[in-house]
Amino acid sequence: MGEELGNTASGFAALAEGLNTTASGAAAHAKGFATLASGDSSHAEGSNTVASASASMRRDILHRQRMIRLMRKALPQRPAAWLRMLKDI
């Protein structure tokens, strides 16, 4: 009977260790998902930064094109105005 109780106690200890390992594994799994979500968030933030930079570059290009068109119109008629616009670019 003492041996059976010893085996039962040993079985419970092994079960408790297994449950502890399972809980530890679940915590590590949750941490992995949190890291993955954080990575997705960082990726989305990076995409927004790229989109913002692209929009800024597009506005800059459109502004420069507009200034060039204005300079081409002003060149034959008013050279002084053309030179002032040239300074702005």
N, C-alpha and C. Protein backbone atom coordinates (compact mmCIF):
# COMPACT_ATOMS: atom_id res chain seq x y z
N MET A 1 0.81 -1.18 0.00
CA MET A 1 0.00 0.00 0.00
C MET A 1 0.86 1.25 0.00
N GLY A 2 1.95 1.21 0.75
CA GLY A 2 2.85 2.35 0.76
C GLY A 2 3.44 2.60 -0.61
N GLU A 3 3.72 1.49 -1.34
CA GLU A 3 4.28 1.63 -2.68
C GLU A 3 3.24 2.24 -3.63
N GLU A 4 1.98 1.82 -3.47
CA GLU A 4 0.92 2.38 -4.31
C GLU A 4 0.73 3.88 -4.05
N LEU A 5 0.77 4.24 -2.77
CA LEU A 5 0.66 5.67 -2.43
C LEU A 5 1.85 6.45 -2.99
N GLY A 6 3.03 5.84 -2.92
CA GLY A 6 4.21 6.47 -3.48
C GLY A 6 4.08 6.66 -4.97
N ASN A 7 3.57 5.63 -5.65
CA ASN A 7 3.36 5.72 -7.10
C ASN A 7 2.29 6.77 -7.43
N THR A 8 1.22 6.79 -6.60
CA THR A 8 0.16 7.77 -6.82
C THR A 8 0.70 9.19 -6.62
N ALA A 9 1.49 9.35 -5.55
CA ALA A 9 2.08 10.67 -5.30
C ALA A 9 3.01 11.06 -6.43
N SER A 10 3.78 10.07 -6.88
CA SER A 10 4.69 10.34 -8.00
C SER A 10 3.90 10.68 -9.26
N GLY A 11 2.78 10.00 -9.46
CA GLY A 11 1.91 10.28 -10.62
C GLY A 11 1.34 11.69 -10.54
N PHE A 12 0.90 12.08 -9.32
CA PHE A 12 0.37 13.43 -9.16
C PHE A 12 1.46 14.49 -9.38
N ALA A 13 2.67 14.17 -8.92
CA ALA A 13 3.77 15.12 -9.13
C ALA A 13 4.06 15.26 -10.63
N ALA A 14 4.05 14.12 -11.33
CA ALA A 14 4.28 14.18 -12.78
C ALA A 14 3.15 14.94 -13.48
N LEU A 15 1.89 14.70 -13.01
CA LEU A 15 0.75 15.42 -13.59
C LEU A 15 0.87 16.92 -13.34
N ALA A 16 1.24 17.29 -12.10
CA ALA A 16 1.39 18.71 -11.78
C ALA A 16 2.50 19.32 -12.63
N GLU A 17 3.59 18.59 -12.82
CA GLU A 17 4.69 19.10 -13.65
C GLU A 17 4.25 19.25 -15.10
N GLY A 18 3.46 18.28 -15.57
CA GLY A 18 2.93 18.36 -16.94
C GLY A 18 2.01 19.55 -17.11
N LEU A 19 1.15 19.79 -16.11
CA LEU A 19 0.24 20.94 -16.18
C LEU A 19 1.03 22.25 -16.14
N ASN A 20 2.08 22.28 -15.32
CA ASN A 20 2.92 23.47 -15.23
C ASN A 20 3.59 23.72 -16.58
N THR A 21 4.08 22.65 -17.20
CA THR A 21 4.73 22.77 -18.52
C THR A 21 3.72 23.26 -19.56
N THR A 22 2.49 22.73 -19.48
CA THR A 22 1.44 23.16 -20.42
C THR A 22 1.14 24.64 -20.23
N ALA A 23 1.04 25.06 -18.97
CA ALA A 23 0.77 26.48 -18.70
C ALA A 23 1.92 27.35 -19.20
N SER A 24 3.14 26.86 -19.00
CA SER A 24 4.30 27.60 -19.47
C SER A 24 4.30 27.69 -21.00
N GLY A 25 3.94 26.58 -21.64
CA GLY A 25 3.86 26.56 -23.10
C GLY A 25 2.78 27.51 -23.61
N ALA A 26 1.64 27.53 -22.91
CA ALA A 26 0.55 28.43 -23.31
C ALA A 26 0.99 29.89 -23.15
N ALA A 27 1.72 30.18 -22.08
CA ALA A 27 2.21 31.55 -21.88
C ALA A 27 3.19 31.93 -22.98
N ALA A 28 4.07 31.00 -23.34
CA ALA A 28 5.03 31.27 -24.42
C ALA A 28 4.30 31.45 -25.75
N HIS A 29 3.25 30.66 -25.96
CA HIS A 29 2.46 30.77 -27.18
C HIS A 29 1.78 32.14 -27.25
N ALA A 30 1.20 32.56 -26.12
CA ALA A 30 0.55 33.88 -26.07
C ALA A 30 1.56 34.99 -26.31
N LYS A 31 2.75 34.83 -25.73
CA LYS A 31 3.80 35.82 -25.93
C LYS A 31 4.20 35.89 -27.41
N GLY A 32 4.25 34.72 -28.05
CA GLY A 32 4.55 34.69 -29.48
C GLY A 32 3.51 35.43 -30.30
N PHE A 33 2.22 35.24 -29.93
CA PHE A 33 1.16 35.96 -30.65
C PHE A 33 1.26 37.46 -30.40
N ALA A 34 1.60 37.84 -29.16
CA ALA A 34 1.76 39.27 -28.86
C ALA A 34 2.90 39.85 -29.68
N THR A 35 3.98 39.08 -29.82
CA THR A 35 5.12 39.55 -30.63
C THR A 35 4.72 39.67 -32.09
N LEU A 36 3.95 38.69 -32.57
CA LEU A 36 3.48 38.72 -33.96
C LEU A 36 2.58 39.94 -34.19
N ALA A 37 1.66 40.20 -33.25
CA ALA A 37 0.78 41.37 -33.38
C ALA A 37 1.60 42.65 -33.36
N SER A 38 2.63 42.69 -32.52
CA SER A 38 3.49 43.87 -32.47
C SER A 38 4.22 44.05 -33.79
N GLY A 39 4.66 42.94 -34.37
CA GLY A 39 5.33 43.02 -35.67
C GLY A 39 4.39 43.52 -36.75
N ASP A 40 3.14 43.05 -36.73
CA ASP A 40 2.15 43.51 -37.70
C ASP A 40 1.90 45.00 -37.52
N SER A 41 1.84 45.44 -36.28
CA SER A 41 1.63 46.86 -35.99
C SER A 41 2.80 47.68 -36.52
N SER A 42 4.02 47.19 -36.29
CA SER A 42 5.20 47.90 -36.77
C SER A 42 5.21 47.94 -38.29
N HIS A 43 4.79 46.83 -38.91
CA HIS A 43 4.75 46.77 -40.37
C HIS A 43 3.74 47.78 -40.92
N ALA A 44 2.57 47.84 -40.27
CA ALA A 44 1.55 48.80 -40.70
C ALA A 44 2.05 50.23 -40.52
N GLU A 45 2.74 50.48 -39.41
CA GLU A 45 3.28 51.83 -39.16
C GLU A 45 4.32 52.18 -40.23
N GLY A 46 5.15 51.21 -40.58
CA GLY A 46 6.14 51.45 -41.63
C GLY A 46 5.49 51.72 -42.97
N SER A 47 4.41 50.98 -43.26
CA SER A 47 3.68 51.20 -44.51
C SER A 47 3.08 52.60 -44.55
N ASN A 48 2.54 53.04 -43.41
CA ASN A 48 1.98 54.40 -43.34
C ASN A 48 3.07 55.44 -43.56
N THR A 49 4.26 55.20 -43.01
CA THR A 49 5.37 56.14 -43.19
C THR A 49 5.76 56.21 -44.65
N VAL A 50 5.83 55.05 -45.32
CA VAL A 50 6.18 55.03 -46.74
C VAL A 50 5.11 55.76 -47.55
N ALA A 51 3.84 55.50 -47.23
CA ALA A 51 2.75 56.17 -47.95
C ALA A 51 2.83 57.68 -47.74
N SER A 52 3.13 58.09 -46.52
CA SER A 52 3.24 59.51 -46.22
C SER A 52 4.40 60.14 -46.99
N ALA A 53 5.53 59.43 -47.03
CA ALA A 53 6.69 59.94 -47.78
C ALA A 53 6.38 60.01 -49.26
N SER A 54 5.67 59.00 -49.77
CA SER A 54 5.30 59.00 -51.19
C SER A 54 4.38 60.17 -51.51
N ALA A 55 3.42 60.42 -50.63
CA ALA A 55 2.51 61.55 -50.85
C ALA A 55 3.27 62.87 -50.81
N SER A 56 4.20 62.98 -49.88
CA SER A 56 5.00 64.20 -49.78
C SER A 56 5.85 64.39 -51.04
N MET A 57 6.46 63.32 -51.52
CA MET A 57 7.27 63.42 -52.74
C MET A 57 6.39 63.80 -53.93
N ARG A 58 5.19 63.22 -53.99
CA ARG A 58 4.28 63.53 -55.10
C ARG A 58 3.89 65.02 -55.07
N ARG A 59 3.59 65.53 -53.87
CA ARG A 59 3.25 66.97 -53.77
C ARG A 59 4.43 67.83 -54.21
N ASP A 60 5.64 67.42 -53.80
CA ASP A 60 6.83 68.18 -54.17
C ASP A 60 7.03 68.17 -55.68
N ILE A 61 6.86 67.01 -56.29
CA ILE A 61 7.02 66.91 -57.76
C ILE A 61 5.97 67.75 -58.46
N LEU A 62 4.72 67.67 -58.00
CA LEU A 62 3.66 68.47 -58.63
C LEU A 62 3.94 69.96 -58.48
N HIS A 63 4.45 70.37 -57.31
CA HIS A 63 4.78 71.77 -57.10
C HIS A 63 5.88 72.21 -58.07
N ARG A 64 6.90 71.41 -58.21
CA ARG A 64 7.99 71.76 -59.12
C ARG A 64 7.51 71.83 -60.57
N GLN A 65 6.65 70.88 -60.96
CA GLN A 65 6.12 70.92 -62.33
C GLN A 65 5.29 72.18 -62.56
N ARG A 66 4.51 72.54 -61.55
CA ARG A 66 3.70 73.76 -61.67
C ARG A 66 4.59 74.99 -61.80
N MET A 67 5.66 75.04 -61.00
CA MET A 67 6.58 76.17 -61.07
C MET A 67 7.27 76.23 -62.44
N ILE A 68 7.63 75.10 -62.97
CA ILE A 68 8.28 75.08 -64.30
C ILE A 68 7.31 75.59 -65.36
N ARG A 69 6.03 75.16 -65.28
CA ARG A 69 5.03 75.65 -66.25
C ARG A 69 4.87 77.16 -66.13
N LEU A 70 4.82 77.65 -64.89
CA LEU A 70 4.69 79.09 -64.69
C LEU A 70 5.90 79.83 -65.25
N MET A 71 7.09 79.28 -65.04
CA MET A 71 8.30 79.93 -65.55
C MET A 71 8.30 79.96 -67.08
N ARG A 72 7.85 78.87 -67.67
CA ARG A 72 7.82 78.84 -69.14
C ARG A 72 6.86 79.88 -69.69
N LYS A 73 5.74 80.09 -68.99
CA LYS A 73 4.80 81.12 -69.43
C LYS A 73 5.38 82.51 -69.24
N ALA A 74 6.07 82.73 -68.12
CA ALA A 74 6.57 84.06 -67.79
C ALA A 74 7.86 84.42 -68.52
N LEU A 75 8.60 83.45 -68.98
CA LEU A 75 9.92 83.70 -69.56
C LEU A 75 9.91 84.71 -70.70
N PRO A 76 9.14 84.52 -71.73
CA PRO A 76 9.23 85.49 -72.84
C PRO A 76 8.71 86.88 -72.47
N GLN A 77 7.76 86.96 -71.55
CA GLN A 77 7.15 88.24 -71.26
C GLN A 77 7.86 89.02 -70.15
N ARG A 78 8.22 88.34 -69.05
CA ARG A 78 8.78 89.04 -67.89
C ARG A 78 10.00 88.30 -67.35
N PRO A 79 11.18 88.59 -67.82
CA PRO A 79 12.37 87.89 -67.32
C PRO A 79 12.61 88.08 -65.82
N ALA A 80 12.26 89.26 -65.26
CA ALA A 80 12.48 89.48 -63.83
C ALA A 80 11.60 88.54 -63.00
N ALA A 81 10.36 88.37 -63.42
CA ALA A 81 9.46 87.46 -62.71
C ALA A 81 9.97 86.03 -62.82
N TRP A 82 10.49 85.68 -63.96
CA TRP A 82 11.05 84.34 -64.17
C TRP A 82 12.22 84.10 -63.21
N LEU A 83 13.07 85.09 -63.05
CA LEU A 83 14.21 84.94 -62.15
C LEU A 83 13.76 84.81 -60.69
N ARG A 84 12.72 85.56 -60.30
CA ARG A 84 12.19 85.43 -58.94
C ARG A 84 11.64 84.03 -58.69
N MET A 85 10.92 83.47 -59.65
CA MET A 85 10.38 82.13 -59.51
C MET A 85 11.50 81.09 -59.47
N LEU A 86 12.54 81.35 -60.20
CA LEU A 86 13.66 80.42 -60.22
C LEU A 86 14.30 80.31 -58.84
N LYS A 87 14.33 81.42 -58.10
CA LYS A 87 14.88 81.40 -56.74
C LYS A 87 14.04 80.53 -55.81
N ASP A 88 12.72 80.48 -56.03
CA ASP A 88 11.82 79.72 -55.16
C ASP A 88 12.00 78.21 -55.28
N ILE A 89 12.53 77.75 -56.35
CA ILE A 89 12.64 76.29 -56.57
C ILE A 89 13.82 75.71 -55.83
